[in-house]
Structures are given as structure tokens and as C-alpha cells.
Amino acid sequence: MPERNWRIADWPWLPKMTAGPRLRVIVDNDFAGDPDDLYQLVHHLLSPSVDIRGIVASHLRPDDPFYAGSDSADEARRVVERLAEAMRLDLCGRLFTGSNMALASRTEPRDSEAARFIVAEAMRDEPGLAPLFVVCGGGLTDLASAYLLKPAIADRLTVVWIGGPEHEGLGYLPPVVETPEYNLAIDVTAGQVVFNDSALPLWLVPRNMYRQCLVSDVELRTRVANRGPVGALLYGAIQQVRDRVEAASDGAFGETYALGDSPLVLLTALQSYFQPDPSSSDYALRHCPVLDDHGEFTGATGGRPIRVYTRLDTRLMFEDLFLKLDEFAAWLGSK
């Protein structure tokens, strides 16, 4: 195994005058699934304005086409460990495995090291702690379990979630509609806990928004694939998906790919310098919708206001990713 050259919250390739973290972030994602989550994780790890307090490896749906095993949270952990090896990164004990199963009910948590870690980090009570964001790019099982274990976390963090269907008046349905929406389908019951039963502050990036996060193959070939072992891993992961999908179909799928989890970085690490907020993107304030047992919005509202993002600054998001990969690859290649 290659020598580990750096640790989380270290960034030895950056100029010494670079500002330090101003947010705490817990990354919660289904890393055994769509490789857009690997791009998001790399981008977050390379961003000095956030302190990645923990990485939660969460589960997929049973028989998911990306990984059909019953141990998808365990496989997600293994994927992150392989990525860390390519990055020569010491994870410093900050990787936590979530439940391999969805919630059985809206009142029973799936106790896991990930859920307990979310509770512990949220309930830390030390002077000068930065605001805590839990950013979720997959299902909501471990976050919902943490809330069920300790409802008081709702006053101590903000949730950013990639998922859910279009909100009325804010977005159009895609040509082929998947119901429930992909990330919500991982655990509809957990979605009901977060939407219907909790007071958790929510910033939502629904399906019509994450579908806009497109990069072209030529961008990935010229700005990712040749950026050392990490770039090769990232590009290769998408190429494997393309090869598998196109082999199982009668046609090609075009020359773009949606890096739909990248807004998790945009809305946290890339907030404005003055009056910190994701000021280059737009959102609407809506009353939280109520989810039914099928993962659809009922038209009723849960009362509390939530942010529903309506425009994302994809230029800032992807240029920042590509340039950070450049810096990191140059440093890693010199080691």
C-alpha cells in the first residue's frame, strides 16, 4: 500500500495563506452506487473551507443495478477506502458505516455507528464550534435514524439533500418519470421521518435540479481522466457505468453525464466570502411537503419552511472541481 501523504483537514498542497474551515460537514452518501458521489466526495475533501467531520457510507435499494448485494453500506465503505488509497489519504477514523437496510417503521431507528456518530457530532457542545451541515446524496436512513435516536439534533444542524421529485410550480417532470424518485426510493419511510415527522432544517436539490448538473465526456477526458490516479479512478468509474448500460441496450446514451451530487459541495464549501450563504444559486422558500407511502407529495404541507433550490451555479461548481483536481494531482505527482 502506498504511503499516506496527508490527512483530512490537512491540505498540504495549498498555500499557507489559504483560509481554514468555517463549516463542519458530515458527508452521507451511497458510495456503492452512481459514481457521481465519488466526484462529490473528492471535491469536498479538497475544499479547505469545510471540516469533513465524518463520512457516512449508506445503503442502496435491494437489487440496485449499481450494486445488488445485501451489504451495500459495507460495499460503500470499501469503495471509500479504495478512493482514499488512490488519494493517499489517511481517513483518521472518520469513515462510518450506515445501516444495510431501510427503516422498518417511522418510530424505530436502524442503530448503526453512522447514526450514532451523527448524533454525537450534532450534540457536541464546545465553544466556537462552526455550524454543522449533514449533506446527503443518497437515501436518508442514517439521518432519520439519528433523529429518532435523538430528536434534539434538529436544533443543531442543517440538512442538504439531493433527492425527491419536482415541486409544484418549480420544475418540470423528465420525459420518463421514476416514482419514487431514485434517492427517495432507497428509503421512503426515512423520507417520511425527515419530511413529515421532524423539524430538521432542509435545503433540497430535487430531481429537476440535479439533472441539470451535466458535464460532457470531453470535459471528463481532458480535465479529469489524466489527473493522476484519482482522476483515472473517477473517470473509469463513469466509463464502467456507460459500458454496462450501453451493452444492455440497443443504443448509445449521448456524451454527457450528470454529476448530480456535486451541489452538496456548491451549497457548503463554495458559499460567499461576505455574509456566508450559497449566494450564487437561487432557491424558493416553501412549506415542507408531506410524503405519502408511495414517495409522492400529497399536496399537504408539514408547516416548517424549507429551501427548494431553483438554480445552481454549475460554472463555479465544476470549474472549482477541475482546478482543485489540477492542484492536487500536481502535488501528488511530486511526492
Protein backbone atom coordinates (compact mmCIF):
# COMPACT_ATOMS: atom_id res chain seq x y z
CA MET A 1 0.00 0.00 0.00
CA PRO A 2 1.42 3.45 -0.85
CA GLU A 3 2.45 5.76 1.97
CA ARG A 4 -0.32 8.01 3.22
CA ASN A 5 0.81 11.56 2.47
CA TRP A 6 -1.93 13.63 4.05
CA ARG A 7 -4.84 13.62 6.46
CA ILE A 8 -8.35 15.05 6.42
CA ALA A 9 -8.27 18.78 7.24
CA ASP A 10 -4.58 18.96 6.30
CA TRP A 11 -4.38 20.17 2.63
CA PRO A 12 -0.53 20.27 2.42
CA TRP A 13 -0.58 21.26 -1.28
CA LEU A 14 -2.29 24.61 -0.61
CA PRO A 15 -0.59 27.99 0.02
CA LYS A 16 -0.17 28.71 3.70
CA MET A 17 -2.38 31.80 3.47
CA THR A 18 -5.42 29.77 2.43
CA ALA A 19 -8.32 30.34 4.83
CA GLY A 20 -9.33 27.47 7.09
CA PRO A 21 -12.70 25.75 7.59
CA ARG A 22 -15.78 27.76 8.51
CA LEU A 23 -18.34 24.92 8.36
CA ARG A 24 -18.43 21.40 9.77
CA VAL A 25 -19.73 18.85 7.26
CA ILE A 26 -20.85 15.23 7.55
CA VAL A 27 -20.96 13.58 4.11
CA ASP A 28 -23.64 10.86 3.84
CA ASN A 29 -23.76 9.00 0.54
CA ASP A 30 -24.36 5.64 -1.14
CA PHE A 31 -20.83 5.19 -2.48
CA ALA A 32 -21.58 1.73 -3.89
CA GLY A 33 -23.97 3.37 -6.37
CA ASP A 34 -23.73 6.03 -9.07
CA PRO A 35 -20.13 7.33 -9.15
CA ASP A 36 -21.24 10.95 -9.05
CA ASP A 37 -20.88 10.56 -5.29
CA LEU A 38 -17.13 9.92 -5.69
CA TYR A 39 -16.72 13.22 -7.52
CA GLN A 40 -18.61 14.96 -4.72
CA LEU A 41 -16.51 13.33 -2.00
CA VAL A 42 -13.20 14.13 -3.70
CA HIS A 43 -14.33 17.72 -4.24
CA HIS A 44 -15.36 18.10 -0.60
CA LEU A 45 -12.11 16.58 0.68
CA LEU A 46 -10.10 19.04 -1.44
CA SER A 47 -12.06 22.08 -0.15
CA PRO A 48 -10.36 23.94 2.73
CA SER A 49 -13.44 25.94 3.79
CA VAL A 50 -15.12 22.83 5.26
CA ASP A 51 -14.04 20.47 8.01
CA ILE A 52 -15.21 16.99 6.99
CA ARG A 53 -16.10 15.64 10.41
CA GLY A 54 -17.21 12.26 9.09
CA ILE A 55 -18.09 10.24 6.01
CA VAL A 56 -21.18 8.04 6.24
CA ALA A 57 -21.31 5.03 3.91
CA SER A 58 -25.02 4.40 3.32
CA HIS A 59 -27.05 1.68 1.62
CA LEU A 60 -28.80 1.31 -1.74
CA ARG A 61 -32.14 -0.23 -2.66
CA PRO A 62 -32.27 -4.03 -2.70
CA ASP A 63 -31.19 -5.30 -6.14
CA ASP A 64 -30.00 -1.86 -7.20
CA PRO A 65 -28.45 -2.04 -10.69
CA PHE A 66 -25.27 -0.34 -9.44
CA TYR A 67 -24.78 -2.93 -6.66
CA ALA A 68 -27.29 -5.68 -5.98
CA GLY A 69 -25.77 -7.18 -2.83
CA SER A 70 -27.44 -7.05 0.58
CA ASP A 71 -24.35 -5.38 2.09
CA SER A 72 -24.39 -2.16 0.06
CA ALA A 73 -23.43 0.05 3.04
CA ASP A 74 -20.43 -2.20 3.69
CA GLU A 75 -19.55 -2.05 -0.01
CA ALA A 76 -19.87 1.75 0.12
CA ARG A 77 -17.27 1.74 2.89
CA ARG A 78 -14.95 -0.41 0.78
CA VAL A 79 -15.35 1.99 -2.17
CA VAL A 80 -14.36 4.95 0.03
CA GLU A 81 -11.36 3.05 1.34
CA ARG A 82 -10.19 2.35 -2.23
CA LEU A 83 -10.65 6.02 -3.11
CA ALA A 84 -8.65 7.06 -0.03
CA GLU A 85 -5.86 4.71 -1.10
CA ALA A 86 -5.73 6.34 -4.55
CA MET A 87 -5.65 9.76 -2.89
CA ARG A 88 -3.00 8.60 -0.37
CA LEU A 89 -5.35 9.91 2.29
CA ASP A 90 -5.44 8.93 5.95
CA LEU A 91 -9.13 8.92 6.83
CA CYS A 92 -8.26 9.45 10.50
CA GLY A 93 -11.10 7.24 11.74
CA ARG A 94 -13.72 9.49 10.12
CA LEU A 95 -15.42 6.81 7.99
CA PHE A 96 -18.62 5.33 9.45
CA THR A 97 -20.79 2.50 8.12
CA GLY A 98 -24.52 3.01 7.99
CA SER A 99 -27.34 0.50 8.05
CA ASN A 100 -27.61 -2.03 5.22
CA MET A 101 -31.41 -1.86 5.47
CA ALA A 102 -34.13 0.76 5.22
CA LEU A 103 -36.26 1.72 8.21
CA ALA A 104 -38.93 -0.76 9.24
CA SER A 105 -41.19 1.98 10.64
CA ARG A 106 -41.32 5.72 11.31
CA THR A 107 -40.59 5.19 15.02
CA GLU A 108 -37.79 2.58 15.02
CA PRO A 109 -34.25 3.69 14.15
CA ARG A 110 -31.71 1.46 12.46
CA ASP A 111 -29.00 1.78 15.05
CA SER A 112 -25.56 1.97 13.42
CA GLU A 113 -22.17 3.53 14.01
CA ALA A 114 -23.10 6.15 11.40
CA ALA A 115 -26.35 7.16 13.11
CA ARG A 116 -24.62 7.34 16.48
CA PHE A 117 -21.82 9.43 15.02
CA ILE A 118 -24.30 11.94 13.55
CA VAL A 119 -25.88 12.29 16.99
CA ALA A 120 -22.52 12.67 18.73
CA GLU A 121 -21.25 15.34 16.32
CA ALA A 122 -24.53 17.27 16.39
CA MET A 123 -24.63 17.26 20.19
CA ARG A 124 -21.02 18.41 20.68
CA ASP A 125 -21.06 21.43 22.95
CA GLU A 126 -17.76 23.28 22.72
CA PRO A 127 -17.01 27.00 22.42
CA GLY A 128 -16.57 28.30 18.90
CA LEU A 129 -17.94 25.33 17.01
CA ALA A 130 -18.69 26.08 13.36
CA PRO A 131 -22.22 25.41 12.00
CA LEU A 132 -22.86 21.75 11.15
CA PHE A 133 -24.26 20.58 7.80
CA VAL A 134 -25.24 16.97 7.07
CA VAL A 135 -25.13 16.59 3.29
CA CYS A 136 -26.90 13.58 1.83
CA GLY A 137 -26.58 12.33 -1.74
CA GLY A 138 -28.47 9.06 -1.35
CA GLY A 139 -31.13 7.71 0.98
CA LEU A 140 -32.00 9.20 4.36
CA THR A 141 -31.89 6.10 6.57
CA ASP A 142 -28.97 7.06 8.78
CA LEU A 143 -30.03 10.68 9.18
CA ALA A 144 -33.59 9.62 10.06
CA SER A 145 -32.22 7.04 12.49
CA ALA A 146 -30.06 9.70 14.14
CA TYR A 147 -33.13 11.91 14.53
CA LEU A 148 -35.16 9.06 16.03
CA LEU A 149 -32.32 8.31 18.45
CA LYS A 150 -32.02 11.99 19.45
CA PRO A 151 -34.69 14.41 18.15
CA ALA A 152 -32.75 17.33 19.68
CA ILE A 153 -30.30 17.21 16.75
CA ALA A 154 -32.92 19.12 14.73
CA ASP A 155 -31.84 22.31 16.50
CA ARG A 156 -28.15 21.74 15.84
CA LEU A 157 -27.61 21.07 12.13
CA THR A 158 -28.81 21.82 8.61
CA VAL A 159 -29.60 19.04 6.12
CA VAL A 160 -28.77 19.40 2.42
CA TRP A 161 -30.36 16.59 0.41
CA ILE A 162 -30.08 15.64 -3.24
CA GLY A 163 -33.38 13.95 -3.96
CA GLY A 164 -37.12 13.95 -4.19
CA PRO A 165 -39.48 14.79 -7.04
CA GLU A 166 -40.16 18.15 -8.64
CA HIS A 167 -42.03 20.71 -6.53
CA GLU A 168 -45.21 22.15 -8.00
CA GLY A 169 -44.50 25.33 -9.92
CA LEU A 170 -40.72 24.96 -9.59
CA GLY A 171 -39.80 22.29 -12.09
CA TYR A 172 -40.93 20.03 -14.92
CA LEU A 173 -41.04 16.25 -14.94
CA PRO A 174 -38.45 14.40 -17.04
CA PRO A 175 -39.66 12.51 -20.14
CA VAL A 176 -39.60 9.21 -18.23
CA VAL A 177 -40.70 9.55 -14.62
CA GLU A 178 -39.37 7.22 -11.93
CA THR A 179 -41.65 7.05 -8.89
CA PRO A 180 -40.50 7.26 -6.20
CA GLU A 181 -37.55 9.40 -7.25
CA TYR A 182 -34.31 7.37 -7.17
CA ASN A 183 -32.82 8.59 -3.87
CA LEU A 184 -36.18 8.69 -2.13
CA ALA A 185 -36.89 5.11 -3.24
CA ILE A 186 -33.92 3.91 -1.20
CA ASP A 187 -35.97 4.50 1.95
CA VAL A 188 -39.38 6.17 1.64
CA THR A 189 -40.04 5.65 5.35
CA ALA A 190 -36.89 7.57 6.25
CA GLY A 191 -38.08 10.32 3.91
CA GLN A 192 -41.35 10.46 5.84
CA VAL A 193 -39.47 10.80 9.12
CA VAL A 194 -37.39 13.70 7.78
CA PHE A 195 -40.20 15.47 5.88
CA ASN A 196 -43.31 14.67 7.90
CA ASP A 197 -42.20 13.97 11.45
CA SER A 198 -39.07 16.04 12.11
CA ALA A 199 -38.20 19.70 12.49
CA LEU A 200 -34.87 19.26 10.69
CA PRO A 201 -33.89 22.35 8.64
CA LEU A 202 -33.87 21.28 4.98
CA TRP A 203 -32.19 22.56 1.83
CA LEU A 204 -33.44 20.45 -1.08
CA VAL A 205 -31.96 19.88 -4.53
CA PRO A 206 -34.80 17.98 -6.24
CA ARG A 207 -34.65 15.87 -9.40
CA ASN A 208 -35.16 18.72 -11.88
CA MET A 209 -32.15 20.48 -10.33
CA TYR A 210 -29.68 17.62 -10.04
CA ARG A 211 -30.47 16.63 -13.64
CA GLN A 212 -29.01 19.98 -14.72
CA CYS A 213 -25.56 19.14 -13.34
CA LEU A 214 -24.22 17.86 -16.66
CA VAL A 215 -20.61 17.54 -17.75
CA SER A 216 -19.54 16.40 -21.19
CA ASP A 217 -17.32 13.44 -21.94
CA VAL A 218 -14.67 15.68 -23.47
CA GLU A 219 -14.56 17.69 -20.22
CA LEU A 220 -14.07 14.50 -18.24
CA ARG A 221 -11.44 13.14 -20.64
CA THR A 222 -9.37 16.33 -20.72
CA ARG A 223 -9.90 17.69 -17.20
CA VAL A 224 -10.34 14.58 -15.03
CA ALA A 225 -9.12 11.33 -16.62
CA ASN A 226 -5.49 12.46 -16.96
CA ARG A 227 -5.20 13.95 -13.47
CA GLY A 228 -3.21 11.17 -11.87
CA PRO A 229 -4.56 8.05 -10.13
CA VAL A 230 -7.50 9.92 -8.63
CA GLY A 231 -8.63 11.33 -11.99
CA ALA A 232 -8.22 7.91 -13.60
CA LEU A 233 -10.35 6.32 -10.87
CA LEU A 234 -13.07 8.95 -11.21
CA TYR A 235 -13.27 8.79 -15.00
CA GLY A 236 -13.00 5.00 -15.02
CA ALA A 237 -15.96 4.69 -12.65
CA ILE A 238 -18.22 6.55 -15.07
CA GLN A 239 -16.85 4.64 -18.05
CA GLN A 240 -17.76 1.36 -16.35
CA VAL A 241 -21.34 2.59 -15.96
CA ARG A 242 -21.52 3.63 -19.62
CA ASP A 243 -20.10 0.32 -20.81
CA ARG A 244 -22.56 -1.68 -18.73
CA VAL A 245 -25.62 0.38 -19.66
CA GLU A 246 -24.84 0.53 -23.36
CA ALA A 247 -24.06 -3.20 -23.51
CA ALA A 248 -27.51 -3.91 -22.10
CA SER A 249 -29.31 -1.64 -24.57
CA ASP A 250 -29.69 -1.14 -28.30
CA GLY A 251 -28.30 2.37 -28.49
CA ALA A 252 -25.81 4.91 -27.22
CA PHE A 253 -26.57 7.34 -24.42
CA GLY A 254 -25.01 10.57 -25.64
CA GLU A 255 -21.92 12.38 -24.43
CA THR A 256 -22.92 13.88 -21.08
CA TYR A 257 -23.15 12.59 -17.53
CA ALA A 258 -24.95 14.11 -14.54
CA LEU A 259 -22.71 14.73 -11.54
CA GLY A 260 -25.86 15.25 -9.54
CA ASP A 261 -24.31 15.07 -6.08
CA SER A 262 -21.90 17.97 -6.68
CA PRO A 263 -24.36 20.63 -5.39
CA LEU A 264 -23.57 19.29 -1.91
CA VAL A 265 -20.18 20.98 -2.35
CA LEU A 266 -21.56 24.11 -4.02
CA LEU A 267 -24.01 24.81 -1.19
CA THR A 268 -21.47 24.33 1.61
CA ALA A 269 -17.82 24.74 0.60
CA LEU A 270 -18.49 27.43 -2.02
CA GLN A 271 -20.55 29.88 -0.02
CA SER A 272 -19.94 33.61 -0.40
CA TYR A 273 -16.98 35.35 1.24
CA PHE A 274 -19.09 38.05 2.92
CA GLN A 275 -22.37 37.14 4.66
CA PRO A 276 -21.72 33.41 4.02
CA ASP A 277 -24.51 31.74 2.07
CA PRO A 278 -24.79 29.90 -1.30
CA SER A 279 -25.38 33.32 -2.85
CA SER A 280 -24.59 32.35 -6.46
CA SER A 281 -27.55 29.94 -6.55
CA ASP A 282 -31.27 30.59 -6.15
CA TYR A 283 -33.94 28.95 -4.05
CA ALA A 284 -37.61 29.29 -3.19
CA LEU A 285 -38.95 29.07 0.35
CA ARG A 286 -41.78 26.55 0.58
CA HIS A 287 -43.67 24.90 3.39
CA CYS A 288 -42.35 21.38 3.77
CA PRO A 289 -44.49 18.97 1.71
CA VAL A 290 -45.93 15.78 3.18
CA LEU A 291 -44.75 12.49 1.71
CA ASP A 292 -47.15 9.58 1.32
CA ASP A 293 -46.27 5.88 1.49
CA HIS A 294 -45.52 5.85 -2.26
CA GLY A 295 -42.93 8.62 -2.05
CA GLU A 296 -45.15 11.26 -3.63
CA PHE A 297 -46.03 14.70 -2.33
CA THR A 298 -49.66 14.77 -1.22
CA GLY A 299 -50.32 18.49 -1.62
CA ALA A 300 -50.45 18.89 2.16
CA THR A 301 -47.62 20.71 3.91
CA GLY A 302 -45.78 19.98 7.11
CA GLY A 303 -45.58 23.59 8.18
CA ARG A 304 -41.90 24.48 8.56
CA PRO A 305 -40.25 26.48 5.76
CA ILE A 306 -37.59 24.71 3.69
CA ARG A 307 -35.31 25.81 0.85
CA VAL A 308 -36.01 24.29 -2.56
CA TYR A 309 -33.20 25.19 -4.96
CA THR A 310 -34.30 26.52 -8.34
CA ARG A 311 -30.95 27.46 -9.94
CA LEU A 312 -27.43 26.14 -9.35
CA ASP A 313 -24.17 27.87 -10.22
CA THR A 314 -22.74 24.98 -12.21
CA ARG A 315 -19.92 27.12 -13.62
CA LEU A 316 -18.49 27.80 -10.17
CA MET A 317 -19.16 24.22 -9.06
CA PHE A 318 -17.40 22.42 -11.91
CA GLU A 319 -14.57 24.90 -12.53
CA ASP A 320 -13.71 24.67 -8.85
CA LEU A 321 -13.69 20.86 -9.05
CA PHE A 322 -11.47 20.76 -12.14
CA LEU A 323 -8.94 23.28 -10.79
CA LYS A 324 -8.73 21.60 -7.40
CA LEU A 325 -8.04 18.31 -9.17
CA ASP A 326 -5.25 20.08 -11.09
CA GLU A 327 -3.64 21.38 -7.90
CA PHE A 328 -3.96 18.09 -6.06
CA ALA A 329 -2.69 15.95 -8.97
CA ALA A 330 0.36 18.20 -9.39
CA TRP A 331 1.18 17.92 -5.69
CA LEU A 332 0.56 14.16 -5.51
CA GLY A 333 2.68 13.60 -8.62
CA SER A 334 5.58 15.38 -6.95
CA LYS A 335 5.55 13.08 -3.94
